[in-house]
Amino acid sequence: MSGELTAGWVNCKFEDCIEIHDSIRKPVNNKERQSRIKGKGDAELFPYFGATGQVGYIDDYLFDGEFVALGEDGVPFFDPLKHKAYLLKGKTWVNNHAHVIRGALGIDNRYLCYLLNQTDYQGYVNGATRLKLTQVNMRRLPIALAPLNEQIRIANKLDSLLAKVDAAQTRLEKIPTLLKRFRLSVLASATSGELTKEWSFNKSLNNWHIKKLEEVSGIIDPQPSHRTPKQVSGGVPYIGIGDLREDGTIDFERSRKVSRDVLEEHNKRYQIKEGDFIFGKIGTLGQATTLPINVDFTLSANVILIQPDLSKVESGFLRFFLSSPETLKEVANQSTSTSQAAFGIKKMRAFLAKIPTIEEQKEIVHRVEALFSLADNIEKQYREAKKRTDRLTQSLLAKAFRGELVPQDPNDEPASELLKRIQADREAKKPVKELSRKKSVKKRALREKVPLKGINKASKKTASSNISSRKKIIEDRILEKMNETYKGEEVEVSVLLDSLDYSYEELKKALFNLTKGDVNTSLKPKTKLSWDGVYKISVVK
């Protein structure tokens, strides 16, 4: 949080205000989950959560109540528009891809969840291909903590505002589907004659003819050998069905590049003219796309080159016909399919098209392009609106955690006092420590009226024996935990340490002893652990 801190707020580490429940998490693979839920009703199942949300169901639960789940790995930590944390409510099961935390002493979980979705994770996550937030780094995340009452006001306000944002996004998300249906409807109406029915009646034009595609256009297989040319650096684009975009453009930059020898060989078979287009014939069938002229490129074997005879057919009309829902349905019916759909060159040449006069074709193309232009404008407005609503969530979160979303109340208890109460509560819950050896020795000397020097000598032997015994107990507990809870599988050191009620230093020393073979444990046979010194630990088989 930059700038001056809001009155009553306090900067702290994340661990200062939360309870961590990672030790309860347990991963269950999909196969086991499916076997466990088989034959069971909805009332017997509980949601199973992973890094970014629910990933299935299971027949039991680990958590009961309200918690916050924060992705541990596989989370878009550096994408400000994506969520990293979410609320858990009721009975749930969480795997080891999400940290599970809860606000200490009534700190609002919603506040924490919103805060985590606005946090900058730079410097706190690591990993080249899969980002990971370890528990150690999660603990040290810097946060700005508001007074408890203000947390509730902020969470309530964000609940209200973001619900409206979500509703707006839901409505916006319907627009692309509606536009797609609209365009398909226009094509269906255009190629059936319905779009120009009144126009053609007034013109006394009602003569549509059935033609084979080869009668009105050239149908060319651009790569008859069907062998994919060798890829070269800095070569000529080799355009296939995968390079065609939905908006009718071609991705030349990312396409495969081949040598100019391939271009010269292709140029001997065909020359691209204005109005030519390609049609996908393998895998994705259709997606008729106009080709640019005066550009060097070659064509893949998975497309068909269609060169309309402009004296017989309008290029735009033929392309619209081959993009219409009825045509694509018939193409799919006639296609052969092994591992992927295929529509051969012979079938394309013999494919039947219903074609009106050139005059009506031109009118159809004009009307379709006008309607498509209207749809394009709506789509452009949709994209701009979506960008604004996508940014709105982060804008509201940023405003909330600058202390600007809701008014401050001077009567609220400062967050610093809340932290003090949390710390006092934690101290009170710690196990009562034995009196220091020095004080115990003095009391014993007074009680038994014996020389203090003799007592000290005896006590040193007793203390040494106690330390050795405690080391053995801790080592035993680590090995029991590894063998019984984690079944000898690899586990994060931070998770292991969090599950044991000993100090970090004691546990670390015990881990060093166990991993270097200097083991003072009563478990038989003796077990040695493997530890990378930072993140993972496992039993040496």
Protein backbone atom coordinates (compact mmCIF):
# COMPACT_ATOMS: atom_id res chain seq x y z
CA MET A 1 0.00 0.00 0.00
CA SER A 2 1.54 3.27 -1.13
CA GLY A 3 1.10 6.73 0.30
CA GLU A 4 0.05 7.77 3.79
CA LEU A 5 -1.69 5.10 5.84
CA THR A 6 -5.33 5.77 6.66
CA ALA A 7 -5.97 6.79 10.27
CA GLY A 8 -6.64 3.80 12.49
CA TRP A 9 -5.06 1.36 10.02
CA VAL A 10 -1.78 -0.50 10.58
CA ASN A 11 0.80 -2.18 8.36
CA CYS A 12 1.62 -5.74 9.38
CA LYS A 13 2.60 -9.15 8.11
CA PHE A 14 -0.19 -11.43 6.98
CA GLU A 15 0.65 -14.01 9.65
CA ASP A 16 0.02 -11.40 12.36
CA CYS A 17 -3.73 -11.44 11.79
CA ILE A 18 -4.63 -14.95 10.59
CA GLU A 19 -4.90 -18.57 11.61
CA ILE A 20 -3.30 -21.04 9.19
CA HIS A 21 -4.98 -24.41 8.69
CA ASP A 22 -2.78 -25.91 5.97
CA SER A 23 -2.02 -29.01 8.05
CA ILE A 24 -5.64 -30.16 7.66
CA ARG A 25 -5.56 -30.14 3.83
CA LYS A 26 -5.34 -33.44 2.02
CA PRO A 27 -5.09 -34.16 -1.73
CA VAL A 28 -7.16 -36.98 -3.23
CA ASN A 29 -6.67 -37.86 -6.89
CA ASN A 30 -9.61 -37.85 -9.30
CA LYS A 31 -9.71 -41.64 -9.65
CA GLU A 32 -10.06 -42.15 -5.91
CA ARG A 33 -12.65 -39.36 -5.62
CA GLN A 34 -14.74 -40.92 -8.38
CA SER A 35 -14.65 -44.31 -6.66
CA ARG A 36 -15.65 -42.72 -3.34
CA ILE A 37 -18.64 -40.81 -4.70
CA LYS A 38 -19.91 -43.58 -6.99
CA GLY A 39 -23.50 -44.47 -6.18
CA LYS A 40 -23.92 -41.74 -3.55
CA GLY A 41 -26.57 -39.03 -3.59
CA ASP A 42 -26.07 -35.28 -3.57
CA ALA A 43 -26.81 -35.10 0.16
CA GLU A 44 -23.81 -37.36 0.84
CA LEU A 45 -21.32 -35.30 -1.17
CA PHE A 46 -19.23 -32.26 -0.31
CA PRO A 47 -17.41 -29.77 -2.57
CA TYR A 48 -13.73 -30.49 -3.24
CA PHE A 49 -11.54 -27.40 -3.83
CA GLY A 50 -8.20 -26.74 -5.48
CA ALA A 51 -5.99 -23.77 -6.33
CA THR A 52 -8.60 -21.51 -7.94
CA GLY A 53 -11.93 -22.96 -6.84
CA GLN A 54 -14.08 -26.07 -6.80
CA VAL A 55 -12.79 -28.96 -8.92
CA GLY A 56 -15.24 -31.70 -7.97
CA TYR A 57 -16.94 -33.53 -5.11
CA ILE A 58 -15.98 -36.02 -2.42
CA ASP A 59 -17.85 -38.05 0.21
CA ASP A 60 -16.38 -36.35 3.30
CA TYR A 61 -15.21 -32.96 4.53
CA LEU A 62 -12.16 -31.52 6.30
CA PHE A 63 -13.38 -28.00 7.09
CA ASP A 64 -16.67 -26.80 8.54
CA GLY A 65 -17.32 -23.07 8.65
CA GLU A 66 -16.07 -19.98 6.84
CA PHE A 67 -12.45 -19.92 5.67
CA VAL A 68 -10.40 -18.23 2.96
CA ALA A 69 -8.57 -20.33 0.36
CA LEU A 70 -5.53 -18.72 -1.29
CA GLY A 71 -3.98 -20.48 -4.26
CA GLU A 72 -0.58 -22.02 -3.55
CA ASP A 73 0.43 -22.96 -7.09
CA GLY A 74 -1.03 -22.87 -10.58
CA VAL A 75 -2.57 -19.47 -9.86
CA PRO A 76 -2.30 -16.34 -12.10
CA PHE A 77 -0.58 -14.31 -9.36
CA PHE A 78 0.58 -11.60 -11.78
CA ASP A 79 -2.72 -11.13 -13.61
CA PRO A 80 -4.58 -8.31 -11.83
CA LEU A 81 -7.88 -9.31 -13.44
CA LYS A 82 -7.84 -12.88 -12.09
CA HIS A 83 -8.75 -13.96 -8.54
CA LYS A 84 -6.20 -15.67 -6.34
CA ALA A 85 -8.38 -16.20 -3.26
CA TYR A 86 -11.95 -17.30 -2.63
CA LEU A 87 -14.25 -17.95 0.32
CA LEU A 88 -15.05 -21.41 1.68
CA LYS A 89 -18.40 -21.83 3.41
CA GLY A 90 -19.92 -24.81 5.18
CA LYS A 91 -18.49 -28.31 4.95
CA THR A 92 -15.65 -28.49 2.42
CA TRP A 93 -12.54 -30.44 1.44
CA VAL A 94 -9.42 -28.63 0.17
CA ASN A 95 -6.39 -30.20 -1.50
CA ASN A 96 -2.77 -29.05 -1.09
CA HIS A 97 -2.88 -26.56 -3.99
CA ALA A 98 -4.53 -23.87 -1.85
CA HIS A 99 -3.61 -22.43 1.54
CA VAL A 100 -6.48 -22.38 4.02
CA ILE A 101 -6.61 -19.49 6.46
CA ARG A 102 -9.08 -17.71 8.71
CA GLY A 103 -9.08 -14.27 10.33
CA ALA A 104 -7.84 -14.22 13.91
CA LEU A 105 -10.15 -12.92 16.67
CA GLY A 106 -13.06 -12.27 14.35
CA ILE A 107 -11.16 -10.47 11.57
CA ASP A 108 -13.57 -10.42 8.63
CA ASN A 109 -12.77 -13.28 6.22
CA ARG A 110 -14.40 -11.39 3.35
CA TYR A 111 -12.04 -8.47 4.00
CA LEU A 112 -9.06 -10.84 3.87
CA CYS A 113 -10.32 -12.47 0.68
CA TYR A 114 -10.78 -9.14 -1.09
CA LEU A 115 -7.39 -7.99 0.21
CA LEU A 116 -5.64 -11.08 -1.19
CA ASN A 117 -7.22 -10.49 -4.59
CA GLN A 118 -5.70 -7.01 -4.65
CA THR A 119 -2.28 -7.89 -3.24
CA ASP A 120 0.90 -7.50 -5.29
CA TYR A 121 2.66 -10.89 -5.23
CA GLN A 122 5.87 -9.73 -6.92
CA GLY A 123 8.81 -11.00 -4.88
CA TYR A 124 6.70 -13.47 -2.91
CA VAL A 125 6.06 -16.22 -5.48
CA ASN A 126 8.67 -18.30 -7.27
CA GLY A 127 8.85 -20.80 -10.11
CA ALA A 128 9.73 -20.45 -13.78
CA THR A 129 6.80 -22.29 -15.39
CA ARG A 130 4.41 -22.79 -12.46
CA LEU A 131 4.25 -19.99 -9.90
CA LYS A 132 4.15 -21.03 -6.26
CA LEU A 133 3.40 -19.16 -3.04
CA THR A 134 4.96 -21.09 -0.16
CA GLN A 135 3.50 -20.83 3.32
CA VAL A 136 6.66 -19.06 4.48
CA ASN A 137 6.18 -16.36 1.86
CA MET A 138 2.44 -16.15 2.48
CA ARG A 139 3.13 -15.46 6.14
CA ARG A 140 5.34 -12.48 5.32
CA LEU A 141 3.00 -10.80 2.82
CA PRO A 142 2.69 -7.12 3.83
CA ILE A 143 -0.89 -5.96 4.32
CA ALA A 144 -2.75 -2.89 5.49
CA LEU A 145 -5.15 -3.85 8.26
CA ALA A 146 -8.20 -1.68 8.90
CA PRO A 147 -10.07 -1.43 12.23
CA LEU A 148 -12.44 -4.37 12.70
CA ASN A 149 -15.64 -2.36 12.27
CA GLU A 150 -14.25 -0.70 9.14
CA GLN A 151 -13.34 -4.13 7.75
CA ILE A 152 -17.00 -5.08 7.99
CA ARG A 153 -18.12 -1.84 6.32
CA ILE A 154 -15.60 -2.35 3.50
CA ALA A 155 -16.61 -5.98 2.97
CA ASN A 156 -20.32 -5.12 2.95
CA LYS A 157 -19.77 -2.30 0.43
CA LEU A 158 -17.62 -4.49 -1.82
CA ASP A 159 -20.20 -7.29 -1.63
CA SER A 160 -22.85 -4.87 -2.88
CA LEU A 161 -20.79 -3.15 -5.60
CA LEU A 162 -19.07 -6.26 -6.95
CA ALA A 163 -22.40 -8.11 -7.14
CA LYS A 164 -23.51 -5.38 -9.57
CA VAL A 165 -20.24 -5.69 -11.50
CA ASP A 166 -20.71 -9.47 -11.72
CA ALA A 167 -24.29 -9.00 -12.96
CA ALA A 168 -23.07 -6.58 -15.64
CA GLN A 169 -20.34 -9.01 -16.70
CA THR A 170 -22.85 -11.85 -16.90
CA ARG A 171 -25.04 -9.79 -19.22
CA LEU A 172 -22.04 -8.76 -21.32
CA GLU A 173 -20.86 -12.36 -21.67
CA LYS A 174 -24.09 -13.20 -23.50
CA ILE A 175 -23.37 -10.72 -26.30
CA PRO A 176 -20.78 -12.77 -28.29
CA THR A 177 -23.18 -15.73 -28.42
CA LEU A 178 -26.05 -13.50 -29.51
CA LEU A 179 -23.90 -11.92 -32.23
CA LYS A 180 -22.79 -15.33 -33.49
CA ARG A 181 -26.42 -16.46 -33.72
CA PHE A 182 -27.32 -13.22 -35.48
CA ARG A 183 -24.59 -13.66 -38.13
CA LEU A 184 -25.58 -17.29 -38.74
CA SER A 185 -29.22 -16.24 -39.04
CA VAL A 186 -28.27 -13.58 -41.61
CA LEU A 187 -26.31 -16.14 -43.64
CA ALA A 188 -29.16 -18.64 -43.52
CA SER A 189 -31.65 -16.00 -44.65
CA ALA A 190 -29.30 -14.73 -47.37
CA THR A 191 -28.48 -18.10 -48.96
CA SER A 192 -32.06 -19.36 -48.84
CA GLY A 193 -33.40 -16.29 -50.69
CA GLU A 194 -35.42 -15.05 -47.73
CA LEU A 195 -33.26 -11.93 -47.24
CA THR A 196 -34.01 -10.64 -50.77
CA LYS A 197 -37.39 -12.26 -51.26
CA GLU A 198 -39.33 -8.98 -51.54
CA TRP A 199 -36.53 -7.31 -53.52
CA SER A 200 -36.39 -10.13 -56.10
CA PHE A 201 -40.20 -10.20 -56.38
CA ASN A 202 -40.26 -6.51 -57.23
CA LYS A 203 -37.49 -7.12 -59.75
CA SER A 204 -39.26 -10.18 -61.16
CA LEU A 205 -36.15 -12.21 -60.36
CA ASN A 206 -36.99 -15.62 -59.00
CA ASN A 207 -34.65 -17.92 -60.85
CA TRP A 208 -32.20 -19.72 -58.53
CA HIS A 209 -30.24 -22.58 -60.12
CA ILE A 210 -28.52 -25.62 -58.66
CA LYS A 211 -24.86 -25.81 -59.71
CA LYS A 212 -21.85 -27.93 -58.82
CA LEU A 213 -19.14 -25.79 -57.25
CA GLU A 214 -16.69 -26.78 -59.98
CA GLU A 215 -19.10 -25.23 -62.53
CA VAL A 216 -18.77 -21.77 -61.01
CA SER A 217 -15.26 -21.81 -59.52
CA GLY A 218 -11.86 -23.42 -59.61
CA ILE A 219 -11.40 -25.97 -56.80
CA ILE A 220 -7.68 -26.51 -56.19
CA ASP A 221 -5.72 -28.75 -53.86
CA PRO A 222 -2.77 -26.45 -53.02
CA GLN A 223 -0.51 -29.23 -51.68
CA PRO A 224 -1.43 -32.42 -53.57
CA SER A 225 1.50 -34.39 -52.14
CA HIS A 226 -0.04 -33.80 -48.67
CA ARG A 227 3.48 -33.78 -47.24
CA THR A 228 4.23 -30.91 -44.88
CA PRO A 229 7.29 -28.95 -46.07
CA LYS A 230 10.27 -28.55 -43.74
CA GLN A 231 10.07 -25.55 -41.44
CA VAL A 232 12.78 -22.90 -41.91
CA SER A 233 13.66 -19.71 -40.08
CA GLY A 234 12.62 -16.48 -41.80
CA GLY A 235 10.83 -18.30 -44.60
CA VAL A 236 7.50 -17.85 -46.37
CA PRO A 237 4.22 -18.32 -44.41
CA TYR A 238 2.59 -21.73 -44.91
CA ILE A 239 -1.08 -21.05 -44.17
CA GLY A 240 -3.32 -23.76 -42.78
CA ILE A 241 -6.65 -24.00 -40.99
CA GLY A 242 -4.97 -23.25 -37.64
CA ASP A 243 -3.88 -19.84 -38.87
CA LEU A 244 -7.41 -18.61 -39.64
CA ARG A 245 -8.95 -16.30 -37.06
CA GLU A 246 -12.66 -16.09 -36.28
CA ASP A 247 -12.79 -12.47 -37.43
CA GLY A 248 -11.84 -13.50 -40.98
CA THR A 249 -8.16 -12.49 -40.79
CA ILE A 250 -5.06 -14.69 -41.11
CA ASP A 251 -2.26 -14.99 -38.56
CA PHE A 252 0.76 -14.77 -40.88
CA GLU A 253 3.19 -13.97 -38.07
CA ARG A 254 2.69 -17.18 -36.08
CA SER A 255 2.24 -19.48 -39.07
CA ARG A 256 4.74 -22.14 -40.10
CA LYS A 257 7.53 -20.80 -42.33
CA VAL A 258 8.83 -22.72 -45.36
CA SER A 259 11.51 -22.11 -48.00
CA ARG A 260 10.98 -19.99 -51.09
CA ASP A 261 11.45 -23.15 -53.15
CA VAL A 262 8.03 -24.25 -51.84
CA LEU A 263 6.55 -20.90 -52.89
CA GLU A 264 7.98 -21.24 -56.40
CA GLU A 265 6.58 -24.76 -56.67
CA HIS A 266 3.14 -23.55 -55.51
CA ASN A 267 3.19 -20.61 -57.92
CA LYS A 268 3.48 -23.07 -60.81
CA ARG A 269 0.14 -24.64 -59.78
CA TYR A 270 -1.90 -21.57 -58.86
CA GLN A 271 -1.88 -17.78 -58.69
CA ILE A 272 -3.94 -15.95 -56.04
CA LYS A 273 -6.47 -13.53 -57.56
CA GLU A 274 -8.78 -11.00 -55.92
CA GLY A 275 -11.81 -12.74 -54.43
CA ASP A 276 -10.07 -16.11 -53.90
CA PHE A 277 -10.62 -17.78 -50.53
CA ILE A 278 -9.78 -20.99 -48.70
CA PHE A 279 -11.99 -23.54 -46.97
CA GLY A 280 -10.88 -25.94 -44.20
CA LYS A 281 -11.08 -29.58 -45.29
CA ILE A 282 -9.36 -31.49 -42.45
CA GLY A 283 -10.10 -31.21 -38.74
CA THR A 284 -11.98 -27.92 -38.80
CA LEU A 285 -14.36 -27.95 -41.77
CA GLY A 286 -15.28 -24.58 -43.25
CA GLN A 287 -14.14 -21.21 -41.94
CA ALA A 288 -14.09 -19.72 -45.47
CA THR A 289 -11.50 -16.93 -45.41
CA THR A 290 -10.60 -14.41 -48.11
CA LEU A 291 -6.96 -14.40 -49.21
CA PRO A 292 -4.93 -11.20 -49.65
CA ILE A 293 -3.22 -10.49 -52.97
CA ASN A 294 0.31 -9.26 -53.62
CA VAL A 295 1.57 -11.08 -50.50
CA ASP A 296 3.98 -14.04 -50.58
CA PHE A 297 2.58 -17.14 -48.85
CA THR A 298 1.82 -20.80 -49.53
CA LEU A 299 -1.17 -22.94 -48.63
CA SER A 300 -1.35 -26.08 -46.51
CA ALA A 301 -2.82 -29.41 -47.54
CA ASN A 302 -5.57 -29.01 -44.90
CA VAL A 303 -7.33 -26.26 -46.88
CA ILE A 304 -8.95 -26.06 -50.32
CA LEU A 305 -8.31 -23.06 -52.56
CA ILE A 306 -11.51 -21.75 -54.14
CA GLN A 307 -11.21 -19.35 -57.10
CA PRO A 308 -14.68 -18.05 -58.08
CA ASP A 309 -15.43 -17.48 -61.78
CA LEU A 310 -16.55 -13.86 -61.42
CA SER A 311 -18.58 -14.06 -64.64
CA LYS A 312 -20.82 -16.66 -62.99
CA VAL A 313 -20.71 -16.01 -59.26
CA GLU A 314 -19.91 -13.24 -56.82
CA SER A 315 -16.99 -14.21 -54.59
CA GLY A 316 -18.76 -12.80 -51.52
CA PHE A 317 -21.95 -14.74 -52.22
CA LEU A 318 -20.08 -18.03 -52.68
CA ARG A 319 -18.12 -17.45 -49.46
CA PHE A 320 -21.35 -16.63 -47.58
CA PHE A 321 -22.97 -19.77 -49.03
CA LEU A 322 -20.08 -21.97 -47.82
CA SER A 323 -20.31 -20.33 -44.36
CA SER A 324 -24.07 -20.78 -43.91
CA PRO A 325 -25.34 -23.20 -41.24
CA GLU A 326 -27.15 -25.44 -43.75
CA THR A 327 -24.07 -25.75 -45.96
CA LEU A 328 -21.76 -26.57 -43.03
CA LYS A 329 -24.27 -29.13 -41.79
CA GLU A 330 -24.30 -30.84 -45.21
CA VAL A 331 -20.49 -30.72 -45.42
CA ALA A 332 -20.28 -32.43 -42.01
CA ASN A 333 -22.78 -35.09 -43.16
CA GLN A 334 -20.72 -35.85 -46.27
CA SER A 335 -17.35 -35.82 -44.50
CA THR A 336 -15.40 -38.93 -43.59
CA SER A 337 -14.01 -39.28 -40.11
CA THR A 338 -11.24 -41.39 -38.65
CA SER A 339 -9.28 -39.49 -36.04
CA GLN A 340 -10.57 -36.17 -37.45
CA ALA A 341 -13.19 -34.99 -39.94
CA ALA A 342 -12.16 -34.71 -43.61
CA PHE A 343 -13.90 -33.32 -46.70
CA GLY A 344 -11.99 -34.21 -49.85
CA ILE A 345 -11.32 -32.19 -52.98
CA LYS A 346 -13.61 -34.40 -55.11
CA LYS A 347 -16.52 -33.88 -52.77
CA MET A 348 -15.97 -30.14 -52.82
CA ARG A 349 -15.96 -30.06 -56.62
CA ALA A 350 -19.24 -32.02 -56.76
CA PHE A 351 -20.90 -30.09 -53.92
CA LEU A 352 -24.22 -28.53 -54.97
CA ALA A 353 -24.92 -24.84 -54.51
CA LYS A 354 -28.17 -22.94 -55.01
CA ILE A 355 -27.22 -19.77 -56.90
CA PRO A 356 -29.38 -16.77 -58.01
CA THR A 357 -28.61 -14.27 -60.74
CA ILE A 358 -25.49 -12.11 -60.52
CA GLU A 359 -27.71 -9.07 -59.85
CA GLU A 360 -29.37 -10.72 -56.85
CA GLN A 361 -26.04 -12.08 -55.62
CA LYS A 362 -24.70 -8.51 -55.51
CA GLU A 363 -27.76 -7.34 -53.58
CA ILE A 364 -27.37 -10.23 -51.11
CA VAL A 365 -23.67 -9.43 -50.58
CA HIS A 366 -24.52 -5.74 -50.03
CA ARG A 367 -27.20 -6.54 -47.42
CA VAL A 368 -25.14 -9.15 -45.60
CA GLU A 369 -22.12 -6.85 -45.37
CA ALA A 370 -24.33 -4.03 -44.01
CA LEU A 371 -25.79 -6.30 -41.33
CA PHE A 372 -22.37 -7.74 -40.49
CA SER A 373 -21.01 -4.19 -40.17
CA LEU A 374 -23.76 -3.45 -37.63
CA ALA A 375 -22.79 -6.60 -35.70
CA ASP A 376 -19.11 -5.61 -35.85
CA ASN A 377 -19.90 -2.21 -34.32
CA ILE A 378 -21.86 -3.84 -31.50
CA GLU A 379 -18.99 -6.26 -30.93
CA LYS A 380 -16.53 -3.38 -30.74
CA GLN A 381 -18.72 -1.65 -28.13
CA TYR A 382 -18.96 -4.94 -26.23
CA ARG A 383 -15.15 -5.29 -26.07
CA GLU A 384 -14.75 -1.73 -24.78
CA ALA A 385 -17.46 -2.25 -22.17
CA LYS A 386 -15.88 -5.54 -21.09
CA LYS A 387 -12.49 -3.89 -20.63
CA ARG A 388 -14.07 -1.23 -18.43
CA THR A 389 -15.98 -3.74 -16.28
CA ASP A 390 -12.92 -6.01 -15.99
CA ARG A 391 -10.89 -3.08 -14.67
CA LEU A 392 -13.71 -1.91 -12.40
CA THR A 393 -13.22 -4.74 -9.89
CA GLN A 394 -9.55 -3.91 -9.36
CA SER A 395 -10.36 -0.21 -9.24
CA LEU A 396 -12.90 -0.77 -6.44
CA LEU A 397 -10.52 -3.04 -4.52
CA ALA A 398 -7.69 -0.51 -4.79
CA LYS A 399 -9.99 2.25 -3.57
CA ALA A 400 -11.17 0.07 -0.67
CA PHE A 401 -7.66 -0.66 0.58
CA ARG A 402 -6.60 2.96 0.29
CA GLY A 403 -9.32 3.66 2.83
CA GLU A 404 -11.42 5.64 0.33
CA LEU A 405 -14.42 3.38 -0.24
CA VAL A 406 -16.24 3.83 3.07
CA PRO A 407 -16.10 6.60 5.70
CA GLN A 408 -13.84 6.22 8.75
CA ASP A 409 -15.37 6.29 12.21
CA PRO A 410 -13.13 7.86 14.90
CA ASN A 411 -14.90 5.69 17.48
CA ASP A 412 -13.58 2.48 15.87
CA GLU A 413 -10.91 0.65 17.84
CA PRO A 414 -7.59 1.19 15.96
CA ALA A 415 -6.21 -1.84 14.14
CA SER A 416 -3.05 -1.61 16.27
CA GLU A 417 -5.16 -2.45 19.36
CA LEU A 418 -6.71 -5.36 17.49
CA LEU A 419 -3.23 -6.72 16.74
CA LYS A 420 -2.30 -6.39 20.41
CA ARG A 421 -5.34 -8.40 21.42
CA ILE A 422 -4.50 -11.07 18.83
CA GLN A 423 -0.95 -11.30 20.17
CA ALA A 424 -2.18 -11.47 23.77
CA ASP A 425 -4.64 -14.21 22.81
CA ARG A 426 -1.87 -16.21 21.18
CA GLU A 427 0.39 -15.83 24.21
CA ALA A 428 -2.43 -16.98 26.49
CA LYS A 429 -2.96 -20.11 24.39
CA LYS A 430 0.70 -21.13 24.47
CA PRO A 431 1.56 -24.10 26.76
CA VAL A 432 2.66 -23.00 30.23
CA LYS A 433 6.46 -23.18 30.34
CA GLU A 434 8.30 -24.68 33.28
CA LEU A 435 10.14 -22.26 35.52
CA SER A 436 13.65 -21.58 34.40
CA ARG A 437 16.26 -24.00 35.74
CA LYS A 438 17.92 -21.23 37.73
CA LYS A 439 14.74 -20.29 39.62
CA SER A 440 13.87 -23.95 40.23
CA VAL A 441 17.32 -24.62 41.64
CA LYS A 442 17.10 -21.66 44.01
CA LYS A 443 13.67 -22.72 45.28
CA ARG A 444 14.86 -26.26 45.83
CA ALA A 445 17.94 -25.02 47.71
CA LEU A 446 15.79 -22.91 50.02
CA ARG A 447 13.26 -25.69 50.54
CA GLU A 448 15.76 -28.47 51.25
CA LYS A 449 18.40 -26.26 52.90
CA VAL A 450 21.24 -27.75 50.83
CA PRO A 451 24.21 -25.93 49.26
CA LEU A 452 23.29 -24.20 46.03
CA LYS A 453 26.54 -25.34 44.39
CA GLY A 454 25.65 -29.02 44.79
CA ILE A 455 22.19 -28.50 43.47
CA ASN A 456 23.53 -26.71 40.36
CA LYS A 457 25.85 -29.62 39.55
CA ALA A 458 23.11 -32.19 39.84
CA SER A 459 20.65 -30.02 37.90
CA LYS A 460 23.04 -29.72 34.95
CA LYS A 461 23.05 -33.51 34.56
CA THR A 462 19.26 -33.58 34.80
CA ALA A 463 18.88 -30.71 32.27
CA SER A 464 21.25 -32.44 29.82
CA SER A 465 19.27 -35.64 30.15
CA ASN A 466 15.99 -33.76 29.61
CA ILE A 467 17.32 -32.01 26.47
CA SER A 468 18.46 -35.34 25.02
CA SER A 469 15.08 -36.91 25.81
CA ARG A 470 13.21 -33.98 24.23
CA LYS A 471 15.33 -34.25 21.06
CA LYS A 472 14.39 -37.90 20.77
CA ILE A 473 10.69 -37.14 21.32
CA ILE A 474 10.71 -34.47 18.59
CA GLU A 475 12.53 -36.74 16.13
CA ASP A 476 10.05 -39.52 16.89
CA ARG A 477 7.11 -37.19 16.28
CA ILE A 478 8.52 -36.05 12.93
CA LEU A 479 9.01 -39.64 11.76
CA GLU A 480 5.56 -40.67 13.01
CA LYS A 481 4.00 -37.73 11.17
CA MET A 482 5.86 -38.56 7.95
CA ASN A 483 4.97 -42.26 8.10
CA GLU A 484 1.42 -42.11 9.47
CA THR A 485 -0.06 -38.83 8.19
CA TYR A 486 1.88 -38.35 4.96
CA LYS A 487 2.46 -42.08 4.32
CA GLY A 488 6.11 -41.48 3.47
CA GLU A 489 5.19 -39.19 0.55
CA GLU A 490 6.97 -35.94 -0.26
CA VAL A 491 5.60 -33.03 1.76
CA GLU A 492 6.42 -29.34 2.12
CA VAL A 493 8.60 -28.60 5.13
CA SER A 494 6.41 -25.60 6.02
CA VAL A 495 3.34 -27.86 6.11
CA LEU A 496 5.13 -30.46 8.24
CA LEU A 497 6.38 -27.88 10.73
CA ASP A 498 2.95 -26.24 10.95
CA SER A 499 1.44 -29.59 11.96
CA LEU A 500 3.75 -30.09 14.96
CA ASP A 501 3.58 -28.23 18.27
CA TYR A 502 7.29 -27.47 18.72
CA SER A 503 9.39 -24.39 18.08
CA TYR A 504 10.75 -23.83 14.60
CA GLU A 505 14.37 -24.02 15.81
CA GLU A 506 13.82 -27.33 17.61
CA LEU A 507 12.14 -28.83 14.58
CA LYS A 508 14.83 -27.54 12.23
CA LYS A 509 17.60 -29.10 14.36
CA ALA A 510 15.71 -32.37 14.48
CA LEU A 511 15.29 -32.32 10.69
CA PHE A 512 19.02 -31.78 10.22
CA ASN A 513 19.75 -34.75 12.51
CA LEU A 514 17.24 -36.98 10.73
CA THR A 515 18.48 -36.10 7.25
CA LYS A 516 22.21 -36.47 7.95
CA GLY A 517 21.80 -39.81 9.72
CA ASP A 518 22.67 -38.60 13.25
CA VAL A 519 19.41 -40.04 14.56
CA ASN A 520 18.56 -40.45 18.22
CA THR A 521 15.13 -42.05 17.78
CA SER A 522 13.39 -44.96 19.44
CA LEU A 523 11.61 -45.95 16.20
CA LYS A 524 12.76 -49.27 14.75
CA PRO A 525 14.00 -49.78 12.12
CA LYS A 526 15.66 -46.37 12.02
CA THR A 527 14.33 -44.10 9.27
CA LYS A 528 16.31 -41.52 7.35
CA LEU A 529 14.71 -38.51 5.68
CA SER A 530 15.64 -36.72 2.48
CA TRP A 531 15.39 -32.91 2.57
CA ASP A 532 16.36 -30.39 -0.11
CA GLY A 533 17.10 -27.89 2.67
CA VAL A 534 14.34 -25.51 1.63
CA TYR A 535 11.01 -26.81 0.38
CA LYS A 536 10.43 -30.59 0.22
CA ILE A 537 11.08 -33.51 2.53
CA SER A 538 10.44 -37.24 2.09
CA VAL A 539 11.28 -40.61 3.62
CA VAL A 540 14.24 -42.43 2.07
CA LYS A 541 12.79 -45.75 0.96
